[in-house]
PDB file of N, CA and C in Angstrom:
ATOM      1  N   MET A   1       0.606  -1.143  -0.333  1.00  0.00           N
ATOM      2  CA  MET A   1       0.268  -0.182   0.177  1.00  0.00           C
ATOM      3  C   MET A   1       0.776   1.072  -0.145  1.00  0.00           C
ATOM      4  N   ASN A   2       0.371   2.437  -0.660  1.00  0.00           N
ATOM      5  CA  ASN A   2       1.431   3.694  -0.845  1.00  0.00           C
ATOM      6  C   ASN A   2       1.128   4.313   0.353  1.00  0.00           C
ATOM      7  N   SER A   3       2.242   5.323   0.466  1.00  0.00           N
ATOM      8  CA  SER A   3       2.013   6.159   1.983  1.00  0.00           C
ATOM      9  C   SER A   3       1.117   7.550   1.516  1.00  0.00           C
ATOM     10  N   PHE A   4       0.893   7.416   0.287  1.00  0.00           N
ATOM     11  CA  PHE A   4      -0.100   8.621  -0.036  1.00  0.00           C
ATOM     12  C   PHE A   4      -1.115   8.755   0.325  1.00  0.00           C
ATOM     13  N   SER A   5      -1.541   9.934   1.230  1.00  0.00           N
ATOM     14  CA  SER A   5      -2.762  10.440   1.869  1.00  0.00           C
ATOM     15  C   SER A   5      -3.816  10.650   1.083  1.00  0.00           C
ATOM     16  N   LYS A   6      -3.348  10.625  -0.305  1.00  0.00           N
ATOM     17  CA  LYS A   6      -4.479  10.956  -1.720  1.00  0.00           C
ATOM     18  C   LYS A   6      -4.130   9.770  -2.647  1.00  0.00           C
ATOM     19  N   VAL A   7      -4.858   9.390  -3.604  1.00  0.00           N
ATOM     20  CA  VAL A   7      -4.892   8.689  -4.088  1.00  0.00           C
ATOM     21  C   VAL A   7      -5.117   9.394  -5.799  1.00  0.00           C
ATOM     22  N   ILE A   8      -6.064  10.311  -6.334  1.00  0.00           N
ATOM     23  CA  ILE A   8      -6.435  11.452  -7.591  1.00  0.00           C
ATOM     24  C   ILE A   8      -5.447  12.607  -7.218  1.00  0.00           C
ATOM     25  N   ILE A   9      -4.552  12.719  -8.859  1.00  0.00           N
ATOM     26  CA  ILE A   9      -3.807  13.746  -8.802  1.00  0.00           C
ATOM     27  C   ILE A   9      -4.712  14.988  -9.678  1.00  0.00           C
ATOM     28  N   TYR A  10      -4.192  15.837  -9.598  1.00  0.00           N
ATOM     29  CA  TYR A  10      -5.370  17.181  -9.652  1.00  0.00           C
ATOM     30  C   TYR A  10      -4.251  18.270 -10.682  1.00  0.00           C
ATOM     31  N   PRO A  11      -4.547  18.873 -11.572  1.00  0.00           N
ATOM     32  CA  PRO A  11      -4.033  19.677 -12.422  1.00  0.00           C
ATOM     33  C   PRO A  11      -2.963  20.708 -11.322  1.00  0.00           C
ATOM     34  N   LYS A  12      -3.315  20.974  -9.929  1.00  0.00           N
ATOM     35  CA  LYS A  12      -2.518  21.970  -9.568  1.00  0.00           C
ATOM     36  C   LYS A  12      -1.270  21.156  -8.937  1.00  0.00           C
ATOM     37  N   ASP A  13      -1.870  20.030  -8.779  1.00  0.00           N
ATOM     38  CA  ASP A  13      -0.541  18.604  -7.946  1.00  0.00           C
ATOM     39  C   ASP A  13       0.743  18.868  -8.947  1.00  0.00           C
ATOM     40  N   ILE A  14       0.047  18.633 -10.390  1.00  0.00           N
ATOM     41  CA  ILE A  14       0.936  18.366 -11.850  1.00  0.00           C
ATOM     42  C   ILE A  14       1.480  19.303 -11.909  1.00  0.00           C
ATOM     43  N   SER A  15       1.228  20.549 -11.814  1.00  0.00           N
ATOM     44  CA  SER A  15       1.956  21.896 -11.301  1.00  0.00           C
ATOM     45  C   SER A  15       3.095  22.291 -10.793  1.00  0.00           C
ATOM     46  N   LEU A  16       3.162  21.906  -9.832  1.00  0.00           N
ATOM     47  CA  LEU A  16       3.674  21.320  -8.399  1.00  0.00           C
ATOM     48  C   LEU A  16       5.176  20.625  -8.962  1.00  0.00           C
ATOM     49  N   ILE A  17       4.453  19.865  -9.728  1.00  0.00           N
ATOM     50  CA  ILE A  17       5.742  18.327  -9.963  1.00  0.00           C
ATOM     51  C   ILE A  17       6.674  18.833 -10.974  1.00  0.00           C
ATOM     52  N   THR A  18       5.651  19.441 -12.103  1.00  0.00           N
ATOM     53  CA  THR A  18       6.678  19.741 -13.471  1.00  0.00           C
ATOM     54  C   THR A  18       7.124  21.173 -13.118  1.00  0.00           C
ATOM     55  N   GLY A  19       6.571  21.944 -12.698  1.00  0.00           N
ATOM     56  CA  GLY A  19       6.662  23.139 -13.187  1.00  0.00           C
ATOM     57  C   GLY A  19       6.030  24.352 -13.978  1.00  0.00           C
ATOM     58  N   LYS A  20       5.158  23.481 -14.504  1.00  0.00           N
ATOM     59  CA  LYS A  20       3.700  24.042 -15.873  1.00  0.00           C
ATOM     60  C   LYS A  20       3.148  24.902 -15.016  1.00  0.00           C
ATOM     61  N   SER A  21       2.700  25.720 -16.109  1.00  0.00           N
ATOM     62  CA  SER A  21       1.084  26.218 -15.269  1.00  0.00           C
ATOM     63  C   SER A  21       0.159  25.397 -15.346  1.00  0.00           C
ATOM     64  N   TYR A  22      -1.002  26.051 -14.642  1.00  0.00           N
ATOM     65  CA  TYR A  22      -2.326  24.945 -14.261  1.00  0.00           C
ATOM     66  C   TYR A  22      -2.755  24.638 -15.884  1.00  0.00           C
ATOM     67  N   ARG A  23      -2.881  25.623 -16.596  1.00  0.00           N
ATOM     68  CA  ARG A  23      -3.275  25.307 -17.614  1.00  0.00           C
ATOM     69  C   ARG A  23      -2.748  24.243 -18.749  1.00  0.00           C
ATOM     70  N   SER A  24      -1.540  23.977 -18.576  1.00  0.00           N
ATOM     71  CA  SER A  24      -0.682  23.373 -19.189  1.00  0.00           C
ATOM     72  C   SER A  24      -0.839  21.832 -18.612  1.00  0.00           C
ATOM     73  N   SER A  25      -0.849  22.273 -17.093  1.00  0.00           N
ATOM     74  CA  SER A  25      -1.138  21.090 -16.176  1.00  0.00           C
ATOM     75  C   SER A  25      -2.311  20.015 -16.400  1.00  0.00           C
ATOM     76  N   TRP A  26      -3.445  21.100 -16.483  1.00  0.00           N
ATOM     77  CA  TRP A  26      -4.422  20.405 -17.256  1.00  0.00           C
ATOM     78  C   TRP A  26      -4.517  19.688 -18.674  1.00  0.00           C
ATOM     79  N   GLN A  27      -3.787  20.365 -19.532  1.00  0.00           N
ATOM     80  CA  GLN A  27      -3.874  19.554 -20.768  1.00  0.00           C
ATOM     81  C   GLN A  27      -3.370  18.767 -20.509  1.00  0.00           C
ATOM     82  N   LEU A  28      -2.151  18.329 -19.806  1.00  0.00           N
ATOM     83  CA  LEU A  28      -1.179  16.970 -19.908  1.00  0.00           C
ATOM     84  C   LEU A  28      -1.960  15.834 -19.013  1.00  0.00           C
ATOM     85  N   LEU A  29      -2.812  16.557 -18.056  1.00  0.00           N
ATOM     86  CA  LEU A  29      -3.998  15.805 -17.287  1.00  0.00           C
ATOM     87  C   LEU A  29      -4.895  14.612 -18.411  1.00  0.00           C
ATOM     88  N   LYS A  30      -5.645  15.734 -19.227  1.00  0.00           N
ATOM     89  CA  LYS A  30      -6.387  15.207 -20.369  1.00  0.00           C
ATOM     90  C   LYS A  30      -6.230  14.318 -21.528  1.00  0.00           C
ATOM     91  N   LYS A  31      -4.639  14.668 -21.707  1.00  0.00           N
ATOM     92  CA  LYS A  31      -3.960  13.598 -22.641  1.00  0.00           C
ATOM     93  C   LYS A  31      -3.620  12.143 -21.435  1.00  0.00           C
ATOM     94  N   ILE A  32      -3.414  12.409 -20.598  1.00  0.00           N
ATOM     95  CA  ILE A  32      -3.394  10.942 -19.431  1.00  0.00           C
ATOM     96  C   ILE A  32      -5.041  10.110 -19.755  1.00  0.00           C
ATOM     97  N   ARG A  33      -5.850  10.832 -19.581  1.00  0.00           N
ATOM     98  CA  ARG A  33      -6.905  10.348 -19.503  1.00  0.00           C
ATOM     99  C   ARG A  33      -7.261  10.031 -20.852  1.00  0.00           C
ATOM    100  N   THR A  34      -6.722  10.504 -21.921  1.00  0.00           N
ATOM    101  CA  THR A  34      -7.099   9.806 -23.488  1.00  0.00           C
ATOM    102  C   THR A  34      -6.124   8.621 -23.310  1.00  0.00           C
ATOM    103  N   HIS A  35      -5.022   8.867 -22.818  1.00  0.00           N
ATOM    104  CA  HIS A  35      -4.261   7.789 -22.968  1.00  0.00           C
ATOM    105  C   HIS A  35      -4.509   5.889 -22.668  1.00  0.00           C
ATOM    106  N   TYR A  36      -5.225   6.394 -21.046  1.00  0.00           N
ATOM    107  CA  TYR A  36      -5.787   5.416 -20.356  1.00  0.00           C
ATOM    108  C   TYR A  36      -7.312   5.061 -20.854  1.00  0.00           C
ATOM    109  N   LEU A  37      -7.478   5.817 -21.960  1.00  0.00           N
ATOM    110  CA  LEU A  37      -8.887   5.601 -22.307  1.00  0.00           C
ATOM    111  C   LEU A  37      -9.756   5.490 -21.389  1.00  0.00           C
ATOM    112  N   LYS A  38      -9.778   6.949 -20.312  1.00  0.00           N
ATOM    113  CA  LYS A  38     -11.048   7.281 -19.294  1.00  0.00           C
ATOM    114  C   LYS A  38     -11.760   8.061 -20.278  1.00  0.00           C
ATOM    115  N   GLU A  39     -13.396   7.919 -19.618  1.00  0.00           N
ATOM    116  CA  GLU A  39     -14.327   9.131 -19.597  1.00  0.00           C
ATOM    117  C   GLU A  39     -14.292  10.402 -19.102  1.00  0.00           C
ATOM    118  N   PRO A  40     -14.163  11.053 -19.173  1.00  0.00           N
ATOM    119  CA  PRO A  40     -14.458  12.682 -18.940  1.00  0.00           C
ATOM    120  C   PRO A  40     -14.445  12.515 -17.347  1.00  0.00           C
ATOM    121  N   HIS A  41     -16.000  11.801 -17.082  1.00  0.00           N
ATOM    122  CA  HIS A  41     -15.813  11.532 -15.679  1.00  0.00           C
ATOM    123  C   HIS A  41     -15.313  11.324 -14.772  1.00  0.00           C
ATOM    124  N   GLN A  42     -14.281  10.255 -15.523  1.00  0.00           N
ATOM    125  CA  GLN A  42     -13.323   9.287 -14.561  1.00  0.00           C
ATOM    126  C   GLN A  42     -11.781  10.126 -14.132  1.00  0.00           C
ATOM    127  N   VAL A  43     -11.536  10.240 -13.402  1.00  0.00           N
ATOM    128  CA  VAL A  43     -10.132  10.981 -12.348  1.00  0.00           C
ATOM    129  C   VAL A  43      -9.104   9.912 -12.819  1.00  0.00           C
ATOM    130  N   VAL A  44      -7.584  10.308 -12.761  1.00  0.00           N
ATOM    131  CA  VAL A  44      -6.020   9.910 -12.813  1.00  0.00           C
ATOM    132  C   VAL A  44      -5.934   9.759 -11.527  1.00  0.00           C
ATOM    133  N   THR A  45      -5.259   8.629 -11.640  1.00  0.00           N
ATOM    134  CA  THR A  45      -5.237   8.288  -9.907  1.00  0.00           C
ATOM    135  C   THR A  45      -3.378   8.739 -10.089  1.00  0.00           C
ATOM    136  N   ILE A  46      -2.463   8.867  -9.066  1.00  0.00           N
ATOM    137  CA  ILE A  46      -1.449   9.142  -8.782  1.00  0.00           C
ATOM    138  C   ILE A  46      -0.313   7.864  -9.231  1.00  0.00           C
ATOM    139  N   GLN A  47      -0.609   6.733  -9.388  1.00  0.00           N
ATOM    140  CA  GLN A  47      -0.296   5.747  -9.854  1.00  0.00           C
ATOM    141  C   GLN A  47      -0.126   5.929 -11.601  1.00  0.00           C
ATOM    142  N   GLU A  48      -0.751   6.135 -12.193  1.00  0.00           N
ATOM    143  CA  GLU A  48      -1.273   6.458 -13.798  1.00  0.00           C
ATOM    144  C   GLU A  48      -0.788   7.477 -13.823  1.00  0.00           C
ATOM    145  N   PHE A  49      -0.734   8.981 -13.415  1.00  0.00           N
ATOM    146  CA  PHE A  49       0.487   9.616 -13.389  1.00  0.00           C
ATOM    147  C   PHE A  49       1.823   9.220 -13.769  1.00  0.00           C
ATOM    148  N   CYS A  50       2.213   8.636 -12.870  1.00  0.00           N
ATOM    149  CA  CYS A  50       3.465   8.337 -12.415  1.00  0.00           C
ATOM    150  C   CYS A  50       4.058   7.670 -13.763  1.00  0.00           C
ATOM    151  N   GLU A  51       3.372   6.139 -14.046  1.00  0.00           N
ATOM    152  CA  GLU A  51       3.478   5.419 -14.761  1.00  0.00           C
ATOM    153  C   GLU A  51       3.472   5.940 -16.309  1.00  0.00           C
ATOM    154  N   TYR A  52       2.853   7.039 -16.731  1.00  0.00           N
ATOM    155  CA  TYR A  52       2.549   7.481 -17.898  1.00  0.00           C
ATOM    156  C   TYR A  52       3.397   8.943 -17.917  1.00  0.00           C
ATOM    157  N   MET A  53       4.347   8.962 -17.068  1.00  0.00           N
ATOM    158  CA  MET A  53       5.258  10.504 -16.938  1.00  0.00           C
ATOM    159  C   MET A  53       6.941   9.231 -16.740  1.00  0.00           C
ATOM    160  N   GLY A  54       6.643   8.187 -16.244  1.00  0.00           N
ATOM    161  CA  GLY A  54       7.920   7.615 -16.260  1.00  0.00           C
ATOM    162  C   GLY A  54       9.003   8.287 -14.942  1.00  0.00           C
ATOM    163  N   ILE A  55       8.255   8.493 -14.035  1.00  0.00           N
ATOM    164  CA  ILE A  55       8.723   8.635 -12.763  1.00  0.00           C
ATOM    165  C   ILE A  55       8.167   8.074 -11.386  1.00  0.00           C
ATOM    166  N   GLY A  56       9.001   7.749 -10.568  1.00  0.00           N
ATOM    167  CA  GLY A  56       8.784   6.846  -9.784  1.00  0.00           C
ATOM    168  C   GLY A  56       7.532   7.358  -8.475  1.00  0.00           C
ATOM    169  N   GLU A  57       7.004   6.530  -8.095  1.00  0.00           N
ATOM    170  CA  GLU A  57       5.927   7.402  -7.175  1.00  0.00           C
ATOM    171  C   GLU A  57       6.887   7.750  -5.719  1.00  0.00           C
ATOM    172  N   GLU A  58       7.920   7.269  -5.467  1.00  0.00           N
ATOM    173  CA  GLU A  58       8.548   7.696  -4.254  1.00  0.00           C
ATOM    174  C   GLU A  58       8.974   9.348  -5.010  1.00  0.00           C
ATOM    175  N   THR A  59       9.190   9.481  -5.661  1.00  0.00           N
ATOM    176  CA  THR A  59      10.210  10.619  -6.167  1.00  0.00           C
ATOM    177  C   THR A  59       8.993  11.502  -6.018  1.00  0.00           C
ATOM    178  N   ILE A  60       8.194  11.363  -6.141  1.00  0.00           N
ATOM    179  CA  ILE A  60       6.867  12.910  -6.099  1.00  0.00           C
ATOM    180  C   ILE A  60       5.841  12.663  -4.444  1.00  0.00           C
ATOM    181  N   SER A  61       6.537  11.556  -3.805  1.00  0.00           N
ATOM    182  CA  SER A  61       5.421  11.568  -2.671  1.00  0.00           C
ATOM    183  C   SER A  61       5.881  12.868  -1.823  1.00  0.00           C
ATOM    184  N   SER A  62       7.303  13.696  -1.699  1.00  0.00           N
ATOM    185  CA  SER A  62       7.484  15.127  -1.566  1.00  0.00           C
ATOM    186  C   SER A  62       6.358  16.039  -1.518  1.00  0.00           C
ATOM    187  N   PHE A  63       6.104  16.025  -2.626  1.00  0.00           N
ATOM    188  CA  PHE A  63       5.032  17.031  -3.617  1.00  0.00           C
ATOM    189  C   PHE A  63       3.942  16.821  -2.673  1.00  0.00           C
ATOM    190  N   LEU A  64       3.105  15.652  -2.835  1.00  0.00           N
ATOM    191  CA  LEU A  64       1.741  15.637  -2.627  1.00  0.00           C
ATOM    192  C   LEU A  64       1.645  15.064  -1.156  1.00  0.00           C
ATOM    193  N   VAL A  65       2.350  15.459  -0.298  1.00  0.00           N
ATOM    194  CA  VAL A  65       2.173  15.834   1.510  1.00  0.00           C
ATOM    195  C   VAL A  65       0.831  16.190   1.449  1.00  0.00           C
TER     196      VAL A  65
END
């Protein structure tokens, strides 16, 4: 089990991790949702974000406390 206090990632979180603007982060989230064949109402998990970006979950844990 992960030590994350939350499971869902939001554009604000992506902005903190990548240093991109909120809008760019929102667009990246949309690309991830498309990649995983999710519908617009479905959320993206931290695990899916990490897999898509090629980042280890332990690397971003400090950003999502």
